[in-house]
C-alpha atoms as a PDB file:
ATOM      1  CA  UNK A   1      -6.288  -8.144  16.840  1.00  0.00           C
ATOM      2  CA  UNK A   2      -5.269  -8.571  13.305  1.00  0.00           C
ATOM      3  CA  UNK A   3      -3.280  -6.373  11.114  1.00  0.00           C
ATOM      4  CA  UNK A   4      -4.247  -4.243   8.578  1.00  0.00           C
ATOM      5  CA  UNK A   5      -2.010  -4.735   5.182  1.00  0.00           C
ATOM      6  CA  UNK A   6      -1.730  -1.414   2.934  1.00  0.00           C
ATOM      7  CA  UNK A   7      -0.815  -1.596  -0.789  1.00  0.00           C
ATOM      8  CA  UNK A   8       0.546   0.964  -2.982  1.00  0.00           C
ATOM      9  CA  UNK A   9      -0.006  -0.575  -6.424  1.00  0.00           C
ATOM     10  CA  UNK A  10       2.287   0.234  -9.257  1.00  0.00           C
ATOM     11  CA  UNK A  11       2.698  -1.728 -12.787  1.00  0.00           C
ATOM     12  CA  UNK A  12       6.598  -2.953 -11.755  1.00  0.00           C
ATOM     13  CA  UNK A  13       6.326  -3.166  -8.163  1.00  0.00           C
ATOM     14  CA  UNK A  14       4.002  -2.829  -5.121  1.00  0.00           C
ATOM     15  CA  UNK A  15       4.846  -1.087  -1.922  1.00  0.00           C
ATOM     16  CA  UNK A  16       3.445  -2.887   1.285  1.00  0.00           C
ATOM     17  CA  UNK A  17       2.782  -1.337   4.533  1.00  0.00           C
ATOM     18  CA  UNK A  18       1.410  -3.115   7.729  1.00  0.00           C
ATOM     19  CA  UNK A  19      -0.052  -2.114  11.011  1.00  0.00           C
ATOM     20  CA  UNK A  20       0.998  -3.349  14.338  1.00  0.00           C
ATOM     21  CA  UNK A  21      -1.416  -6.092  15.805  1.00  0.00           C
ATOM     22  CA  UNK A  22      -3.140  -3.462  17.769  1.00  0.00           C
ATOM     23  CA  UNK A  23      -3.604  -1.238  14.660  1.00  0.00           C
ATOM     24  CA  UNK A  24      -1.954   1.731  15.938  1.00  0.00           C
ATOM     25  CA  UNK A  25       0.954   2.409  14.052  1.00  0.00           C
ATOM     26  CA  UNK A  26       1.565   1.902   9.866  1.00  0.00           C
ATOM     27  CA  UNK A  27       4.855   1.017   8.800  1.00  0.00           C
ATOM     28  CA  UNK A  28       6.361   0.234   5.359  1.00  0.00           C
ATOM     29  CA  UNK A  29       7.053  -3.253   5.271  1.00  0.00           C
ATOM     30  CA  UNK A  30       8.675  -3.963   1.645  1.00  0.00           C
ATOM     31  CA  UNK A  31       8.109  -3.905  -1.881  1.00  0.00           C
ATOM     32  CA  UNK A  32       7.541  -6.879  -3.860  1.00  0.00           C
ATOM     33  CA  UNK A  33       7.582  -7.147  -7.911  1.00  0.00           C
ATOM     34  CA  UNK A  34       4.052  -6.990  -9.181  1.00  0.00           C
ATOM     35  CA  UNK A  35       4.382 -10.160 -10.855  1.00  0.00           C
ATOM     36  CA  UNK A  36       5.079 -12.065  -7.586  1.00  0.00           C
ATOM     37  CA  UNK A  37       2.288 -10.007  -5.295  1.00  0.00           C
ATOM     38  CA  UNK A  38       0.050 -12.995  -4.857  1.00  0.00           C
ATOM     39  CA  UNK A  39       3.128 -15.436  -4.004  1.00  0.00           C
ATOM     40  CA  UNK A  40       4.120 -12.830  -1.546  1.00  0.00           C
ATOM     41  CA  UNK A  41       0.506 -12.363  -0.113  1.00  0.00           C
ATOM     42  CA  UNK A  42      -0.159 -16.343   0.069  1.00  0.00           C
ATOM     43  CA  UNK A  43       3.107 -16.598   2.598  1.00  0.00           C
ATOM     44  CA  UNK A  44       2.467 -13.353   4.587  1.00  0.00           C
ATOM     45  CA  UNK A  45      -1.016 -14.303   5.020  1.00  0.00           C
ATOM     46  CA  UNK A  46      -0.629 -17.909   6.380  1.00  0.00           C
ATOM     47  CA  UNK A  47       2.091 -16.346   8.688  1.00  0.00           C
ATOM     48  CA  UNK A  48       0.062 -13.295  10.036  1.00  0.00           C
ATOM     49  CA  UNK A  49      -3.467 -12.367  10.786  1.00  0.00           C
ATOM     50  CA  UNK A  50      -4.738  -9.981   8.355  1.00  0.00           C
ATOM     51  CA  UNK A  51      -8.438  -8.501   8.657  1.00  0.00           C
ATOM     52  CA  UNK A  52      -8.199  -5.820   6.173  1.00  0.00           C
ATOM     53  CA  UNK A  53      -6.164  -5.122   3.086  1.00  0.00           C
ATOM     54  CA  UNK A  54      -6.296  -1.440   1.898  1.00  0.00           C
ATOM     55  CA  UNK A  55      -5.304  -0.629  -1.680  1.00  0.00           C
ATOM     56  CA  UNK A  56      -4.581   2.842  -2.753  1.00  0.00           C
ATOM     57  CA  UNK A  57      -6.852   4.351  -5.449  1.00  0.00           C
ATOM     58  CA  UNK A  58      -4.948   6.173  -8.215  1.00  0.00           C
ATOM     59  CA  UNK A  59      -6.638   9.633  -8.689  1.00  0.00           C
ATOM     60  CA  UNK A  60      -5.840  12.521 -10.730  1.00  0.00           C
ATOM     61  CA  UNK A  61      -6.008  15.675  -9.027  1.00  0.00           C
ATOM     62  CA  UNK A  62      -9.371  16.642 -10.115  1.00  0.00           C
ATOM     63  CA  UNK A  63     -10.577  13.192  -8.520  1.00  0.00           C
ATOM     64  CA  UNK A  64     -11.009  11.303 -11.981  1.00  0.00           C
ATOM     65  CA  UNK A  65      -9.607   7.853 -12.017  1.00  0.00           C
ATOM     66  CA  UNK A  66      -5.598   7.978 -12.984  1.00  0.00           C
ATOM     67  CA  UNK A  67      -4.278   6.211 -16.159  1.00  0.00           C
ATOM     68  CA  UNK A  68      -3.441   2.824 -14.067  1.00  0.00           C
ATOM     69  CA  UNK A  69      -6.950   2.768 -12.332  1.00  0.00           C
ATOM     70  CA  UNK A  70      -8.087   0.082 -14.679  1.00  0.00           C
ATOM     71  CA  UNK A  71      -5.106  -2.354 -13.430  1.00  0.00           C
ATOM     72  CA  UNK A  72      -6.124  -1.678  -9.771  1.00  0.00           C
ATOM     73  CA  UNK A  73      -9.735  -2.518 -10.253  1.00  0.00           C
ATOM     74  CA  UNK A  74      -8.527  -5.758 -11.920  1.00  0.00           C
ATOM     75  CA  UNK A  75      -6.011  -6.301  -8.891  1.00  0.00           C
ATOM     76  CA  UNK A  76      -8.913  -5.484  -6.362  1.00  0.00           C
ATOM     77  CA  UNK A  77     -11.237  -8.120  -7.943  1.00  0.00           C
ATOM     78  CA  UNK A  78      -8.483 -10.762  -8.038  1.00  0.00           C
ATOM     79  CA  UNK A  79      -7.823  -9.912  -4.187  1.00  0.00           C
ATOM     80  CA  UNK A  80     -11.649 -10.518  -3.543  1.00  0.00           C
ATOM     81  CA  UNK A  81     -11.817 -13.890  -5.317  1.00  0.00           C
ATOM     82  CA  UNK A  82      -8.380 -14.962  -3.515  1.00  0.00           C
ATOM     83  CA  UNK A  83      -9.314 -13.908  -0.277  1.00  0.00           C
ATOM     84  CA  UNK A  84     -13.115 -13.663   0.534  1.00  0.00           C
ATOM     85  CA  UNK A  85     -12.832 -13.817   4.200  1.00  0.00           C
ATOM     86  CA  UNK A  86     -10.446 -10.692   4.242  1.00  0.00           C
ATOM     87  CA  UNK A  87     -12.225  -7.221   3.950  1.00  0.00           C
ATOM     88  CA  UNK A  88     -10.704  -5.325   0.905  1.00  0.00           C
ATOM     89  CA  UNK A  89     -11.081  -1.429   1.127  1.00  0.00           C
ATOM     90  CA  UNK A  90      -9.690   1.504  -0.884  1.00  0.00           C
ATOM     91  CA  UNK A  91      -8.017   4.618  -0.075  1.00  0.00           C
ATOM     92  CA  UNK A  92      -7.341   7.905  -2.166  1.00  0.00           C
ATOM     93  CA  UNK A  93      -3.692   7.683  -2.761  1.00  0.00           C
ATOM     94  CA  UNK A  94      -3.437  11.296  -4.350  1.00  0.00           C
ATOM     95  CA  UNK A  95       0.047  13.011  -3.474  1.00  0.00           C
ATOM     96  CA  UNK A  96       1.220   9.946  -1.247  1.00  0.00           C
ATOM     97  CA  UNK A  97       4.471   9.445  -3.674  1.00  0.00           C
ATOM     98  CA  UNK A  98       5.283  13.268  -3.470  1.00  0.00           C
ATOM     99  CA  UNK A  99       4.647  13.249   0.428  1.00  0.00           C
ATOM    100  CA  UNK A 100       6.832   9.940   0.664  1.00  0.00           C
ATOM    101  CA  UNK A 101       9.532  11.848  -1.279  1.00  0.00           C
ATOM    102  CA  UNK A 102       9.371  14.817   1.160  1.00  0.00           C
ATOM    103  CA  UNK A 103       9.380  12.507   4.326  1.00  0.00           C
ATOM    104  CA  UNK A 104      12.584  10.804   2.894  1.00  0.00           C
ATOM    105  CA  UNK A 105      14.238  14.024   2.170  1.00  0.00           C
ATOM    106  CA  UNK A 106      13.284  15.151   5.631  1.00  0.00           C
ATOM    107  CA  UNK A 107      14.634  11.974   7.410  1.00  0.00           C
ATOM    108  CA  UNK A 108      18.135  13.386   6.059  1.00  0.00           C
ATOM    109  CA  UNK A 109      18.481  10.305   3.653  1.00  0.00           C
ATOM    110  CA  UNK A 110      21.359  10.414   1.563  1.00  0.00           C
ATOM    111  CA  UNK A 111      20.980  11.234  -2.266  1.00  0.00           C
ATOM    112  CA  UNK A 112      21.057   7.579  -3.404  1.00  0.00           C
ATOM    113  CA  UNK A 113      18.685   6.393  -0.810  1.00  0.00           C
ATOM    114  CA  UNK A 114      16.319   9.165  -1.822  1.00  0.00           C
ATOM    115  CA  UNK A 115      16.142   8.045  -5.603  1.00  0.00           C
ATOM    116  CA  UNK A 116      15.277   4.497  -4.406  1.00  0.00           C
ATOM    117  CA  UNK A 117      12.008   3.945  -5.905  1.00  0.00           C
ATOM    118  CA  UNK A 118      11.072   0.899  -3.874  1.00  0.00           C
ATOM    119  CA  UNK A 119      11.751   2.741  -0.621  1.00  0.00           C
ATOM    120  CA  UNK A 120       9.148   5.593  -2.210  1.00  0.00           C
ATOM    121  CA  UNK A 121       6.696   2.831  -2.662  1.00  0.00           C
ATOM    122  CA  UNK A 122       7.035   1.490   0.758  1.00  0.00           C
ATOM    123  CA  UNK A 123       6.529   4.967   2.231  1.00  0.00           C
ATOM    124  CA  UNK A 124       3.633   5.660   0.233  1.00  0.00           C
ATOM    125  CA  UNK A 125       1.915   2.188   1.054  1.00  0.00           C
ATOM    126  CA  UNK A 126       2.472   3.592   4.755  1.00  0.00           C
ATOM    127  CA  UNK A 127       0.879   6.747   4.156  1.00  0.00           C
ATOM    128  CA  UNK A 128      -2.052   5.158   2.366  1.00  0.00           C
ATOM    129  CA  UNK A 129      -2.645   2.968   5.363  1.00  0.00           C
ATOM    130  CA  UNK A 130      -2.179   5.625   7.903  1.00  0.00           C
ATOM    131  CA  UNK A 131      -5.027   7.848   5.926  1.00  0.00           C
ATOM    132  CA  UNK A 132      -7.161   4.867   5.811  1.00  0.00           C
ATOM    133  CA  UNK A 133      -6.937   4.208   9.710  1.00  0.00           C
ATOM    134  CA  UNK A 134      -7.357   7.792  10.448  1.00  0.00           C
ATOM    135  CA  UNK A 135     -10.648   7.535   8.405  1.00  0.00           C
ATOM    136  CA  UNK A 136     -12.123   4.503  10.070  1.00  0.00           C
ATOM    137  CA  UNK A 137     -11.229   5.610  13.644  1.00  0.00           C
END
């Protein structure tokens, strides 16, 4: 089987998570500067079989598109153009940053680690990916 890649899009950096090849577990992989995402994806996709890329859909609490939604729409469009053979899906990402902060706090991480925004982005990407996997199973 192939992996599924999860993306938490941000204007400065992007959190990336990935499943194992059997698509059982979603794990945070890394964060990448937003400007470098397609360079990262090109390298990663040449080394790993990926059948689907799941992008977090930024929504407000009431379900309306969040302020950066238009940027995510453009990013998804470019993904589809760049990787026509890979399924591109979206997943509601409401509360993932908040939940990621809770998980990091519960893990016993020190204060400096809890303030690491790249760690929050990576955990958020894993939560987005896990939610998607639960939805499709």
